[in-house]
């Protein structure tokens, strides 16, 4: 993913000069960080970025610095004055911030070098973490939920008082085992293993008539119009709670979008403003909501004067469209209470294409426990002989665990990551060194393993009977995964005898080379010798010609290039 930032001058200062800084206003958002960012966390004193290599960066006091080493992080969350990390082994660490004094310009904090760890989790791995300014929550693989007061000893109402350990950790007293958690500003929503949605807290995200009521300090079942398995995410804030379903339908139980009055009876209903289009992402913080739709429109409603002034000088309380001119889709929105908003721009076409190839079972040349796969993929991702990997997996794991491993192998986010960690360690590699996009990108320069030749045919316009033929070496698996056209072509040729195919698309060799580069990298570069206008025109046509399904990032790149040369 890439990241766009909306906000005021403070956001530009917050991020510092280490990033590619562009103009600050929402109507002119620009690509900000030239790497794949998977999560953003914000507080009044620092901003955290987690990339797909499990590396965590902090922007603090206008400086960027990496703050973890030697471990691959799965997740990070933060409150005003602390943050917590979760690694692939299910281990958690909590870091507080040390107050260093203040100047006329700002208050200075610094992350403590030593982290708080928890012996309680030695026998069960943590699978999910969440936090607000009052509590940090830890969900384990066995369905147990634990909580810890915030580092700065704020008062927090307990679900039910229980014995607290020396590390400040206590087990939440809830009868059902928990499957997923969604933590709001002053509340928490959980999905139990028997598929109930439950909630408690001092403020159930605008669900209550009286946000300070003691009545809801213990878990209660929340009725919703969809099954809990359909929930993609729940976002809650001071005034409202929204549910985004996996079918991209948005529901609300507060009053911002649906303008309904508070009631002690919770009624989620479809947000009527977005009932005729799919919602791809939603952000919810303080007294504001951001909604991004399938039409690439970013909508906002807020009762905060500061956010309205920050983004577009609109009056509070009205739903309005933020003009972003975005060429790509976003599926994650992060906000803080000061109106700073971060949108992660999806660049998942690469992994989606490979996952679809894996799940289709097409062109497979290998089987592990009757799971169809590709020998090349095993070699690319593990560096091991496929037969060795097959024997180890079949001897030590069941079908579901092996399928989860292959789901990860082809770029998916597997829920059984602890099995994958074990498999990786026994096969002699670490997940930190095995990021899907990075592994595929390395193949572009690996000439020895390329097993296929794409012969690009160009006509000689000075002599109609003459034509040029340029050979481009490539991995056949890359063409199969990324292009529907090549999949159709390979169905009609003898795969065992043919290791090349001719391309009569009429595109220039330079454009085809850029397309092949995009197949491997999900991006491409331009040199001083390239004609950007010609390449943009040819690649725009190539999206349909080569049947590129997951091409949102290519469209984003082409739109950005087109905007640059059209403004010269």
Protein backbone atom coordinates (compact mmCIF):
# COMPACT_ATOMS: atom_id res chain seq x y z
CA UNK A 1 0.00 0.00 0.00
CA UNK A 2 0.90 3.65 -0.36
CA UNK A 3 -0.33 6.40 1.92
CA UNK A 4 -2.09 9.70 1.42
CA UNK A 5 -2.31 12.29 4.17
CA UNK A 6 -5.07 14.86 4.63
CA UNK A 7 -4.67 17.63 7.15
CA UNK A 8 -3.19 21.02 7.92
CA UNK A 9 0.30 22.46 8.30
CA UNK A 10 0.76 20.50 11.51
CA UNK A 11 0.50 17.23 9.63
CA UNK A 12 3.20 18.32 7.22
CA UNK A 13 5.40 19.27 10.17
CA UNK A 14 4.50 16.11 12.05
CA UNK A 15 5.82 13.90 9.27
CA UNK A 16 9.07 15.81 8.87
CA UNK A 17 11.46 16.14 5.98
CA UNK A 18 12.41 12.46 5.88
CA UNK A 19 9.37 11.76 3.71
CA UNK A 20 8.45 13.06 0.30
CA UNK A 21 6.43 16.09 1.37
CA UNK A 22 3.81 17.60 -0.94
CA UNK A 23 1.08 20.20 -0.58
CA UNK A 24 -1.06 19.93 2.50
CA UNK A 25 -4.67 20.51 1.47
CA UNK A 26 -7.21 17.76 0.97
CA UNK A 27 -7.94 18.80 -2.59
CA UNK A 28 -4.30 18.11 -3.48
CA UNK A 29 -3.27 14.90 -1.66
CA UNK A 30 -0.13 13.26 -3.02
CA UNK A 31 1.80 10.05 -2.64
CA UNK A 32 3.65 10.45 0.63
CA UNK A 33 5.74 7.41 1.49
CA UNK A 34 7.57 5.35 -1.11
CA UNK A 35 7.15 1.99 0.59
CA UNK A 36 4.38 -0.43 1.46
CA UNK A 37 2.70 0.76 4.67
CA UNK A 38 0.24 -1.62 6.33
CA UNK A 39 -0.84 0.43 9.35
CA UNK A 40 -0.73 3.95 10.77
CA UNK A 41 -1.13 4.90 14.45
CA UNK A 42 -1.42 8.48 15.62
CA UNK A 43 -1.28 10.27 18.94
CA UNK A 44 -0.82 13.95 19.89
CA UNK A 45 2.92 13.34 20.32
CA UNK A 46 3.97 10.85 17.66
CA UNK A 47 2.94 8.93 14.54
CA UNK A 48 3.77 5.26 13.90
CA UNK A 49 4.05 3.55 10.51
CA UNK A 50 4.27 -0.24 10.16
CA UNK A 51 5.49 -1.57 6.81
CA UNK A 52 5.08 -4.97 5.20
CA UNK A 53 8.54 -6.03 6.38
CA UNK A 54 7.36 -5.80 9.97
CA UNK A 55 9.49 -2.68 10.49
CA UNK A 56 8.10 0.07 12.71
CA UNK A 57 8.91 3.76 12.22
CA UNK A 58 8.13 6.66 14.55
CA UNK A 59 7.82 10.30 13.61
CA UNK A 60 8.42 12.28 16.78
CA UNK A 61 9.65 15.84 17.30
CA UNK A 62 9.69 16.20 13.49
CA UNK A 63 12.16 13.33 13.03
CA UNK A 64 11.75 9.88 11.54
CA UNK A 65 13.47 6.87 13.07
CA UNK A 66 13.07 3.07 13.03
CA UNK A 67 12.19 1.77 16.49
CA UNK A 68 12.28 -2.02 16.26
CA UNK A 69 14.92 -4.45 15.07
CA UNK A 70 15.42 -8.18 14.95
CA UNK A 71 11.74 -9.12 14.98
CA UNK A 72 8.87 -9.14 12.51
CA UNK A 73 5.87 -7.20 13.82
CA UNK A 74 2.32 -8.18 12.90
CA UNK A 75 0.53 -5.25 14.50
CA UNK A 76 0.95 -2.06 16.50
CA UNK A 77 -1.55 0.07 18.46
CA UNK A 78 -1.08 3.27 20.40
CA UNK A 79 -2.76 5.56 22.91
CA UNK A 80 -1.86 9.13 23.80
CA UNK A 81 1.27 8.22 25.71
CA UNK A 82 2.09 4.59 24.93
CA UNK A 83 2.15 2.01 22.18
CA UNK A 84 2.04 -1.79 22.06
CA UNK A 85 3.47 -4.23 19.51
CA UNK A 86 2.62 -7.82 18.53
CA UNK A 87 5.12 -10.03 16.70
CA UNK A 88 4.62 -13.18 14.66
CA UNK A 89 5.33 -15.43 17.65
CA UNK A 90 2.36 -13.98 19.53
CA UNK A 91 4.57 -11.97 21.91
CA UNK A 92 3.51 -8.50 23.04
CA UNK A 93 5.48 -5.55 24.35
CA UNK A 94 4.20 -2.25 25.73
CA UNK A 95 6.25 0.95 25.60
CA UNK A 96 5.56 4.09 27.60
CA UNK A 97 6.62 7.62 26.74
CA UNK A 98 8.97 9.55 28.97
CA UNK A 99 8.18 13.23 29.46
CA UNK A 100 11.29 15.32 28.79
CA UNK A 101 9.86 18.77 29.45
CA UNK A 102 8.34 21.40 27.18
CA UNK A 103 9.40 24.34 25.08
CA UNK A 104 7.48 27.32 23.80
CA UNK A 105 6.67 25.29 20.68
CA UNK A 106 5.86 21.79 21.89
CA UNK A 107 5.92 19.17 24.63
CA UNK A 108 8.74 16.67 24.29
CA UNK A 109 8.30 12.94 24.83
CA UNK A 110 10.59 10.05 24.07
CA UNK A 111 9.91 6.32 23.84
CA UNK A 112 11.45 4.36 26.69
CA UNK A 113 14.10 1.88 25.60
CA UNK A 114 12.88 -0.95 27.85
CA UNK A 115 9.52 -2.54 27.15
CA UNK A 116 6.98 -4.15 29.44
CA UNK A 117 6.55 -7.85 28.65
CA UNK A 118 4.08 -10.34 30.08
CA UNK A 119 4.94 -13.74 31.51
CA UNK A 120 1.23 -14.59 31.47
CA UNK A 121 1.42 -15.16 27.70
CA UNK A 122 4.27 -17.68 27.80
CA UNK A 123 1.89 -20.60 27.30
CA UNK A 124 -0.59 -19.03 24.86
CA UNK A 125 0.16 -16.78 21.92
CA UNK A 126 -1.59 -13.43 21.49
CA UNK A 127 -3.44 -13.16 18.18
CA UNK A 128 -4.90 -9.64 18.36
CA UNK A 129 -4.25 -6.42 20.26
CA UNK A 130 -6.28 -3.24 20.59
CA UNK A 131 -6.24 -0.13 22.72
CA UNK A 132 -7.74 3.23 23.51
CA UNK A 133 -6.50 5.93 25.85
CA UNK A 134 -7.58 3.93 28.89
CA UNK A 135 -6.90 0.24 28.24
CA UNK A 136 -4.83 -2.15 26.20
CA UNK A 137 -6.58 -5.40 25.27
CA UNK A 138 -4.92 -8.72 24.39
CA UNK A 139 -6.79 -11.62 22.74
CA UNK A 140 -5.09 -15.02 22.88
CA UNK A 141 -5.34 -18.03 20.58
CA UNK A 142 -7.46 -19.84 23.19
CA UNK A 143 -10.12 -17.10 23.16
CA UNK A 144 -9.13 -15.49 26.47
CA UNK A 145 -9.27 -11.70 26.68
CA UNK A 146 -6.96 -9.69 28.94
CA UNK A 147 -6.76 -5.98 29.68
CA UNK A 148 -4.19 -3.62 31.13
CA UNK A 149 -4.62 -0.08 32.37
CA UNK A 150 -2.88 2.57 30.34
CA UNK A 151 0.70 3.40 31.21
CA UNK A 152 -0.22 6.76 32.71
CA UNK A 153 -2.49 5.20 35.35
CA UNK A 154 -5.74 6.68 34.16
CA UNK A 155 -8.84 5.45 35.96
CA UNK A 156 -10.67 2.80 33.95
CA UNK A 157 -13.90 1.02 34.81
CA UNK A 158 -13.42 -2.74 34.96
CA UNK A 159 -15.78 -5.18 33.35
CA UNK A 160 -15.62 -7.06 36.62
CA UNK A 161 -12.88 -6.66 39.20
CA UNK A 162 -10.46 -9.58 39.11
CA UNK A 163 -7.01 -10.27 40.45
CA UNK A 164 -4.39 -8.09 38.78
CA UNK A 165 -0.91 -9.48 38.12
CA UNK A 166 2.35 -7.71 38.93
CA UNK A 167 2.52 -6.54 35.32
CA UNK A 168 -0.88 -4.86 35.65
CA UNK A 169 -2.65 -7.47 33.54
CA UNK A 170 -6.08 -8.87 34.38
CA UNK A 171 -8.35 -11.36 32.64
CA UNK A 172 -11.67 -10.00 31.44
CA UNK A 173 -14.48 -11.89 33.15
CA UNK A 174 -16.68 -12.90 30.25
CA UNK A 175 -18.39 -16.28 30.00
CA UNK A 176 -17.93 -16.80 26.27
CA UNK A 177 -14.62 -17.33 24.51
CA UNK A 178 -13.72 -14.39 22.26
CA UNK A 179 -12.94 -14.63 18.55
CA UNK A 180 -12.32 -11.00 17.47
CA UNK A 181 -12.11 -7.60 19.15
CA UNK A 182 -12.77 -4.03 18.01
CA UNK A 183 -11.64 -1.34 20.44
CA UNK A 184 -13.26 2.10 20.37
CA UNK A 185 -12.30 5.31 22.16
CA UNK A 186 -14.00 4.38 25.44
CA UNK A 187 -15.51 1.00 24.69
CA UNK A 188 -14.84 -2.42 23.25
CA UNK A 189 -16.84 -4.68 20.94
CA UNK A 190 -16.13 -8.42 20.82
CA UNK A 191 -17.35 -11.27 18.65
CA UNK A 192 -17.56 -14.45 20.67
CA UNK A 193 -16.86 -17.93 19.39
CA UNK A 194 -20.60 -18.67 19.49
CA UNK A 195 -21.09 -15.74 17.05
CA UNK A 196 -22.52 -13.10 19.41
CA UNK A 197 -21.61 -9.42 19.25
CA UNK A 198 -21.07 -8.00 22.74
CA UNK A 199 -20.03 -4.59 24.02
CA UNK A 200 -19.24 -2.68 27.19
CA UNK A 201 -17.49 0.49 28.31
CA UNK A 202 -18.07 3.96 29.65
CA UNK A 203 -19.32 4.98 26.21
CA UNK A 204 -20.52 2.43 23.67
CA UNK A 205 -19.61 4.65 20.75
CA UNK A 206 -22.71 6.79 20.85
CA UNK A 207 -25.04 3.87 21.53
CA UNK A 208 -26.15 5.06 24.95
CA UNK A 209 -28.56 7.67 26.17
CA UNK A 210 -26.11 8.61 28.92
CA UNK A 211 -22.47 8.02 28.05
CA UNK A 212 -21.47 7.99 31.73
CA UNK A 213 -24.02 5.40 32.75
CA UNK A 214 -22.78 2.58 34.99
CA UNK A 215 -25.47 0.37 33.48
CA UNK A 216 -23.27 -0.78 30.62
CA UNK A 217 -20.00 -1.40 32.44
CA UNK A 218 -20.56 -5.15 31.95
CA UNK A 219 -20.95 -7.07 28.67
CA UNK A 220 -24.26 -6.97 26.86
CA UNK A 221 -25.35 -8.57 23.61
CA UNK A 222 -25.76 -6.19 20.66
CA UNK A 223 -28.38 -7.05 18.03
CA UNK A 224 -27.29 -6.37 14.48
CA UNK A 225 -29.01 -6.92 11.10
CA UNK A 226 -26.19 -9.13 9.75
CA UNK A 227 -24.32 -12.25 10.86
CA UNK A 228 -21.13 -11.64 12.82
CA UNK A 229 -19.14 -13.56 10.18
CA UNK A 230 -20.09 -10.80 7.73
CA UNK A 231 -18.48 -8.04 9.82
CA UNK A 232 -15.31 -6.60 8.31
CA UNK A 233 -14.71 -3.91 10.94
CA UNK A 234 -16.41 -1.89 13.67
CA UNK A 235 -15.42 1.72 14.33
CA UNK A 236 -16.76 3.65 17.32
CA UNK A 237 -16.23 7.14 18.70
CA UNK A 238 -17.87 9.62 21.06
CA UNK A 239 -21.00 10.08 18.98
CA UNK A 240 -21.50 7.02 16.84
CA UNK A 241 -20.70 3.41 16.01
CA UNK A 242 -20.48 2.09 12.45
CA UNK A 243 -20.18 -1.45 11.09
CA UNK A 244 -18.69 -2.12 7.66
CA UNK A 245 -19.69 -5.51 6.30
CA UNK A 246 -17.61 -7.75 4.04
CA UNK A 247 -20.22 -7.03 1.36
CA UNK A 248 -19.18 -3.35 1.66
CA UNK A 249 -22.44 -2.16 3.22
CA UNK A 250 -22.23 0.48 5.98
CA UNK A 251 -24.45 0.35 9.08
CA UNK A 252 -24.70 2.94 11.85
CA UNK A 253 -26.24 3.05 15.32
CA UNK A 254 -25.40 6.66 16.16
CA UNK A 255 -26.73 9.95 14.90
CA UNK A 256 -24.08 11.46 12.62
CA UNK A 257 -24.96 9.74 9.34
CA UNK A 258 -28.51 8.61 10.05
CA UNK A 259 -29.44 11.62 12.22
CA UNK A 260 -31.22 9.35 14.68
CA UNK A 261 -31.66 10.18 18.35
CA UNK A 262 -29.89 8.25 21.06
CA UNK A 263 -31.74 5.35 22.54
CA UNK A 264 -30.92 2.71 25.11
CA UNK A 265 -32.22 0.22 22.53
CA UNK A 266 -29.49 -0.22 19.96
CA UNK A 267 -30.72 -0.27 16.37
CA UNK A 268 -28.17 -0.62 13.60
CA UNK A 269 -29.47 0.34 10.19
CA UNK A 270 -28.01 0.87 6.73
CA UNK A 271 -26.64 4.39 6.25
CA UNK A 272 -29.13 5.78 3.80
CA UNK A 273 -26.63 8.23 2.26
CA UNK A 274 -24.58 5.26 1.01
CA UNK A 275 -27.23 2.61 0.44
CA UNK A 276 -26.89 2.86 -3.35
CA UNK A 277 -23.12 2.35 -3.50
CA UNK A 278 -20.52 0.17 -1.85
CA UNK A 279 -18.36 1.51 0.96
CA UNK A 280 -14.71 0.46 0.78
CA UNK A 281 -13.37 2.06 3.95
CA UNK A 282 -14.54 4.04 6.96
CA UNK A 283 -12.77 6.05 9.65
CA UNK A 284 -14.41 7.10 12.90
CA UNK A 285 -12.86 9.28 15.60
CA UNK A 286 -14.04 11.75 18.24
CA UNK A 287 -17.02 13.45 16.58
CA UNK A 288 -16.19 12.77 12.93
CA UNK A 289 -16.61 10.10 10.25
CA UNK A 290 -14.78 9.59 6.95
CA UNK A 291 -16.32 7.32 4.30
CA UNK A 292 -14.64 6.19 1.07
CA UNK A 293 -16.91 4.68 -1.61
CA UNK A 294 -16.53 2.55 -4.73
CA UNK A 295 -16.85 5.72 -6.81
CA UNK A 296 -13.53 6.87 -5.30
CA UNK A 297 -15.33 9.59 -3.37
CA UNK A 298 -14.22 10.59 0.12
CA UNK A 299 -17.07 11.89 2.29
CA UNK A 300 -16.88 13.48 5.72
CA UNK A 301 -19.29 14.58 8.42
CA UNK A 302 -18.18 16.15 11.66
CA UNK A 303 -19.29 18.26 14.61
CA UNK A 304 -15.69 19.40 15.17
CA UNK A 305 -14.84 22.98 14.26
CA UNK A 306 -11.14 22.14 14.05
CA UNK A 307 -11.56 19.35 11.51
CA UNK A 308 -13.87 21.45 9.36
CA UNK A 309 -11.37 24.28 9.33
CA UNK A 310 -8.52 21.87 8.65
CA UNK A 311 -9.98 20.15 5.61
CA UNK A 312 -12.21 22.46 3.65
CA UNK A 313 -13.67 25.36 5.61
CA UNK A 314 -17.16 23.82 5.75
CA UNK A 315 -19.82 24.33 8.41
CA UNK A 316 -20.07 21.61 11.02
CA UNK A 317 -22.72 18.90 11.02
CA UNK A 318 -23.19 18.56 7.26
CA UNK A 319 -22.08 15.68 5.04
CA UNK A 320 -19.72 16.91 2.36
CA UNK A 321 -17.48 15.53 -0.37
CA UNK A 322 -13.73 16.06 -0.16
CA UNK A 323 -12.27 16.53 -3.64
CA UNK A 324 -9.24 14.24 -3.80
CA UNK A 325 -8.96 13.31 -7.50
CA UNK A 326 -7.81 9.88 -6.39
CA UNK A 327 -6.90 7.35 -9.08
CA UNK A 328 -6.82 4.34 -6.75
CA UNK A 329 -8.94 2.80 -4.03
CA UNK A 330 -8.37 2.88 -0.31
CA UNK A 331 -9.45 0.17 2.12
CA UNK A 332 -8.11 1.63 5.37
CA UNK A 333 -8.66 5.04 6.97
CA UNK A 334 -6.97 6.17 10.17
CA UNK A 335 -7.96 9.35 11.97
CA UNK A 336 -7.03 11.16 15.15
CA UNK A 337 -9.06 13.62 17.17
CA UNK A 338 -7.20 16.60 15.76
CA UNK A 339 -8.46 16.04 12.23
CA UNK A 340 -5.33 14.43 10.80
CA UNK A 341 -6.42 11.66 8.46
CA UNK A 342 -4.34 8.96 6.77
CA UNK A 343 -5.65 6.85 3.88
CA UNK A 344 -3.81 3.67 2.92
CA UNK A 345 -4.02 3.23 -0.83
CA UNK A 346 -4.47 -0.41 -1.78
CA UNK A 347 -1.66 -2.04 -3.78
CA UNK A 348 -2.81 -5.62 -3.36
CA UNK A 349 -3.15 -6.53 -7.02
CA UNK A 350 0.02 -8.62 -6.94
CA UNK A 351 -1.02 -10.91 -4.09
CA UNK A 352 -4.65 -11.03 -5.25
CA UNK A 353 -3.59 -12.29 -8.67
CA UNK A 354 -1.42 -15.04 -7.21
CA UNK A 355 -4.08 -16.04 -4.68
CA UNK A 356 -6.67 -16.31 -7.44
CA UNK A 357 -4.30 -18.50 -9.45
CA UNK A 358 -3.74 -20.73 -6.40
CA UNK A 359 -7.42 -21.00 -5.52
CA UNK A 360 -8.40 -21.79 -9.11
CA UNK A 361 -5.97 -24.75 -9.22
CA UNK A 362 -5.19 -23.92 -12.86
CA UNK A 363 -1.82 -24.80 -14.42
CA UNK A 364 -0.70 -26.55 -11.24
CA UNK A 365 2.22 -28.96 -11.56
CA UNK A 366 2.49 -30.21 -7.96
CA UNK A 367 0.32 -31.47 -5.10
CA UNK A 368 0.78 -31.45 -1.33
CA UNK A 369 -1.95 -33.27 0.63
CA UNK A 370 -4.12 -33.00 -2.51
CA UNK A 371 -3.65 -29.21 -2.53
CA UNK A 372 -2.79 -28.12 -6.07
CA UNK A 373 0.14 -25.72 -6.29
CA UNK A 374 3.19 -24.74 -8.38
CA UNK A 375 6.74 -25.98 -7.87
CA UNK A 376 8.16 -22.59 -8.82
CA UNK A 377 6.17 -20.86 -6.10
CA UNK A 378 7.55 -23.18 -3.43
CA UNK A 379 11.09 -22.57 -4.68
CA UNK A 380 10.62 -18.80 -4.92
CA UNK A 381 9.20 -18.41 -1.42
CA UNK A 382 11.06 -21.02 0.63
CA UNK A 383 14.30 -21.55 -1.27
CA UNK A 384 13.80 -25.29 -0.73
CA UNK A 385 13.27 -28.28 -2.99
CA UNK A 386 9.49 -28.83 -3.43
CA UNK A 387 9.76 -32.55 -2.61
CA UNK A 388 11.52 -31.75 0.70
CA UNK A 389 8.83 -29.22 1.60
CA UNK A 390 6.07 -31.67 0.66
CA UNK A 391 7.45 -34.45 2.87
CA UNK A 392 7.90 -32.15 5.86
CA UNK A 393 4.39 -30.69 5.59
CA UNK A 394 2.61 -34.01 5.09
CA UNK A 395 4.50 -35.62 7.98
CA UNK A 396 3.82 -32.87 10.52
CA UNK A 397 0.61 -30.97 9.69
CA UNK A 398 -3.02 -31.58 8.81
CA UNK A 399 -4.85 -30.38 5.70
CA UNK A 400 -6.11 -27.07 7.16
CA UNK A 401 -2.68 -26.13 8.47
CA UNK A 402 -1.01 -26.96 5.16
CA UNK A 403 -3.65 -24.99 3.26
CA UNK A 404 -3.00 -21.98 5.53
CA UNK A 405 0.69 -22.27 4.72
CA UNK A 406 0.03 -22.23 0.97
CA UNK A 407 -2.42 -19.36 1.39
CA UNK A 408 0.45 -17.40 2.96
CA UNK A 409 2.86 -18.70 0.28
CA UNK A 410 0.76 -17.09 -2.46
CA UNK A 411 0.49 -13.73 -0.68
CA UNK A 412 -2.49 -14.14 1.64
CA UNK A 413 -2.79 -13.11 5.29
CA UNK A 414 -3.21 -16.42 7.09
CA UNK A 415 -5.05 -16.50 10.44
CA UNK A 416 -2.90 -19.47 11.56
CA UNK A 417 0.33 -17.52 11.53
CA UNK A 418 1.87 -19.41 14.45
CA UNK A 419 1.88 -22.58 12.31
CA UNK A 420 3.57 -20.68 9.49
CA UNK A 421 6.22 -19.38 11.90
CA UNK A 422 6.93 -22.97 12.97
CA UNK A 423 7.08 -24.21 9.37
CA UNK A 424 9.40 -21.36 8.39
CA UNK A 425 11.79 -22.02 11.25
CA UNK A 426 12.00 -25.74 10.45
CA UNK A 427 12.53 -25.08 6.74
CA UNK A 428 15.34 -22.67 7.53
CA UNK A 429 13.94 -19.21 6.80
CA UNK A 430 12.35 -16.42 8.83
CA UNK A 431 9.17 -14.53 8.00
CA UNK A 432 10.99 -11.23 8.40
CA UNK A 433 13.07 -12.11 5.32
CA UNK A 434 10.12 -13.53 3.42
CA UNK A 435 7.73 -10.76 2.39
CA UNK A 436 5.60 -11.69 -0.62
CA UNK A 437 6.06 -8.49 -2.66
CA UNK A 438 9.80 -8.51 -1.99
CA UNK A 439 10.22 -12.15 -3.03
CA UNK A 440 8.39 -11.60 -6.32
CA UNK A 441 10.33 -8.37 -6.97
CA UNK A 442 13.65 -10.23 -6.63
CA UNK A 443 12.66 -12.47 -9.54
CA UNK A 444 12.77 -9.56 -11.98
CA UNK A 445 16.59 -9.55 -11.79
CA UNK A 446 16.94 -13.33 -11.45
CA UNK A 447 17.76 -14.14 -15.07
CA UNK A 448 18.81 -17.73 -14.35
CA UNK A 449 15.39 -18.84 -13.12
CA UNK A 450 13.44 -17.26 -15.97
CA UNK A 451 11.90 -20.12 -17.93
CA UNK A 452 9.89 -18.40 -20.62
CA UNK A 453 10.38 -15.94 -23.48
CA UNK A 454 7.94 -13.29 -24.62
CA UNK A 455 8.65 -12.40 -28.25
CA UNK A 456 7.42 -8.87 -28.93
CA UNK A 457 6.67 -8.28 -32.61
CA UNK A 458 7.04 -4.74 -33.93
CA UNK A 459 6.27 -3.82 -37.51
CA UNK A 460 8.77 -1.86 -39.59
CA UNK A 461 6.64 0.98 -40.90
CA UNK A 462 9.20 1.72 -43.63
CA UNK A 463 8.77 -1.80 -44.98
CA UNK A 464 5.33 -3.35 -44.44
CA UNK A 465 6.66 -6.88 -45.06
CA UNK A 466 9.41 -6.53 -42.47
CA UNK A 467 9.05 -6.79 -38.72
CA UNK A 468 11.24 -6.67 -35.63
CA UNK A 469 11.28 -9.33 -32.96
CA UNK A 470 12.47 -8.52 -29.44
CA UNK A 471 12.82 -11.31 -26.87
CA UNK A 472 12.01 -10.56 -23.22
CA UNK A 473 12.84 -13.35 -20.72
CA UNK A 474 10.20 -13.80 -18.03
CA UNK A 475 8.84 -16.31 -15.53
CA UNK A 476 5.86 -18.17 -16.92
CA UNK A 477 4.24 -18.20 -13.48
CA UNK A 478 4.26 -14.38 -13.46
CA UNK A 479 2.41 -14.22 -16.78
CA UNK A 480 -0.11 -16.83 -15.61
CA UNK A 481 -0.87 -14.96 -12.40
CA UNK A 482 -1.03 -11.43 -13.76
CA UNK A 483 -2.68 -11.66 -17.17
CA UNK A 484 -5.94 -13.26 -18.20
CA UNK A 485 -4.84 -13.06 -21.83
CA UNK A 486 -1.75 -15.20 -21.25
CA UNK A 487 -3.78 -17.72 -19.28
CA UNK A 488 -6.09 -18.13 -22.26
CA UNK A 489 -3.11 -18.42 -24.62
CA UNK A 490 -1.42 -21.11 -22.50
CA UNK A 491 -4.58 -23.21 -22.51
CA UNK A 492 -4.27 -23.56 -26.27
CA UNK A 493 -0.59 -24.44 -26.61
CA UNK A 494 1.43 -27.52 -25.76
CA UNK A 495 3.02 -26.44 -22.49
CA UNK A 496 5.61 -29.24 -22.45
CA UNK A 497 7.07 -28.27 -25.83
CA UNK A 498 6.59 -24.51 -25.91
CA UNK A 499 8.69 -22.14 -23.82
CA UNK A 500 7.89 -18.95 -25.72
CA UNK A 501 4.97 -17.04 -27.16
CA UNK A 502 4.69 -14.19 -29.64
CA UNK A 503 3.05 -10.90 -28.71
CA UNK A 504 1.21 -9.21 -31.58
CA UNK A 505 -0.40 -6.47 -29.50
CA UNK A 506 1.27 -3.71 -31.49
CA UNK A 507 2.67 -2.12 -28.33
CA UNK A 508 6.23 -0.83 -28.36
CA UNK A 509 8.98 -2.90 -26.75
CA UNK A 510 9.50 -0.12 -24.20
CA UNK A 511 5.86 -0.26 -23.12
CA UNK A 512 5.86 -4.06 -22.89
CA UNK A 513 8.99 -3.87 -20.73
CA UNK A 514 7.22 -1.42 -18.41
CA UNK A 515 4.24 -3.78 -18.24
CA UNK A 516 6.47 -6.74 -17.39
CA UNK A 517 8.17 -4.62 -14.73
CA UNK A 518 4.72 -3.86 -13.29
CA UNK A 519 3.89 -7.58 -13.26
CA UNK A 520 6.81 -8.17 -10.88
CA UNK A 521 6.88 -4.95 -8.83
CA UNK A 522 3.30 -3.63 -8.93
CA UNK A 523 4.93 -0.41 -10.09
CA UNK A 524 7.37 0.70 -12.81
CA UNK A 525 9.97 3.38 -13.37
CA UNK A 526 10.51 5.93 -16.13
CA UNK A 527 13.92 6.97 -17.46
CA UNK A 528 15.01 10.12 -19.24
CA UNK A 529 14.80 8.28 -22.58
CA UNK A 530 11.16 7.22 -22.14
CA UNK A 531 8.21 8.96 -23.74
CA UNK A 532 5.80 9.12 -20.77
CA UNK A 533 2.80 10.18 -22.84
CA UNK A 534 3.18 7.25 -25.26
CA UNK A 535 3.76 4.76 -22.43
CA UNK A 536 0.69 5.99 -20.54
CA UNK A 537 -1.50 5.69 -23.63
CA UNK A 538 -0.25 2.18 -24.45
CA UNK A 539 -0.49 0.88 -20.88
CA UNK A 540 -4.00 2.30 -20.47
CA UNK A 541 -5.00 0.22 -23.49
CA UNK A 542 -2.98 -2.76 -22.18
CA UNK A 543 -5.17 -3.02 -19.07
CA UNK A 544 -8.06 -4.33 -21.16
CA UNK A 545 -5.99 -6.04 -23.85
CA UNK A 546 -4.03 -8.21 -21.41
CA UNK A 547 -7.07 -8.70 -19.13
CA UNK A 548 -5.54 -7.26 -15.97
CA UNK A 549 -8.22 -7.66 -13.31
CA UNK A 550 -6.50 -6.15 -10.26
CA UNK A 551 -5.07 -3.09 -11.98
CA UNK A 552 -6.10 -0.27 -9.62
CA UNK A 553 -2.48 0.54 -8.78
CA UNK A 554 -1.48 0.64 -12.46
CA UNK A 555 -4.33 3.08 -13.11
CA UNK A 556 -3.13 5.13 -10.13
CA UNK A 557 0.43 5.24 -11.52
CA UNK A 558 -0.71 6.13 -15.03
CA UNK A 559 -3.01 8.85 -13.71
CA UNK A 560 -0.17 10.35 -11.67
CA UNK A 561 2.21 10.33 -14.65
CA UNK A 562 -0.45 11.80 -16.93
CA UNK A 563 -1.10 14.61 -14.46
CA UNK A 564 2.62 15.40 -14.33
CA UNK A 565 3.23 15.76 -18.06
CA UNK A 566 -0.11 17.53 -18.65
CA UNK A 567 0.92 20.26 -16.18
CA UNK A 568 4.27 20.94 -17.84
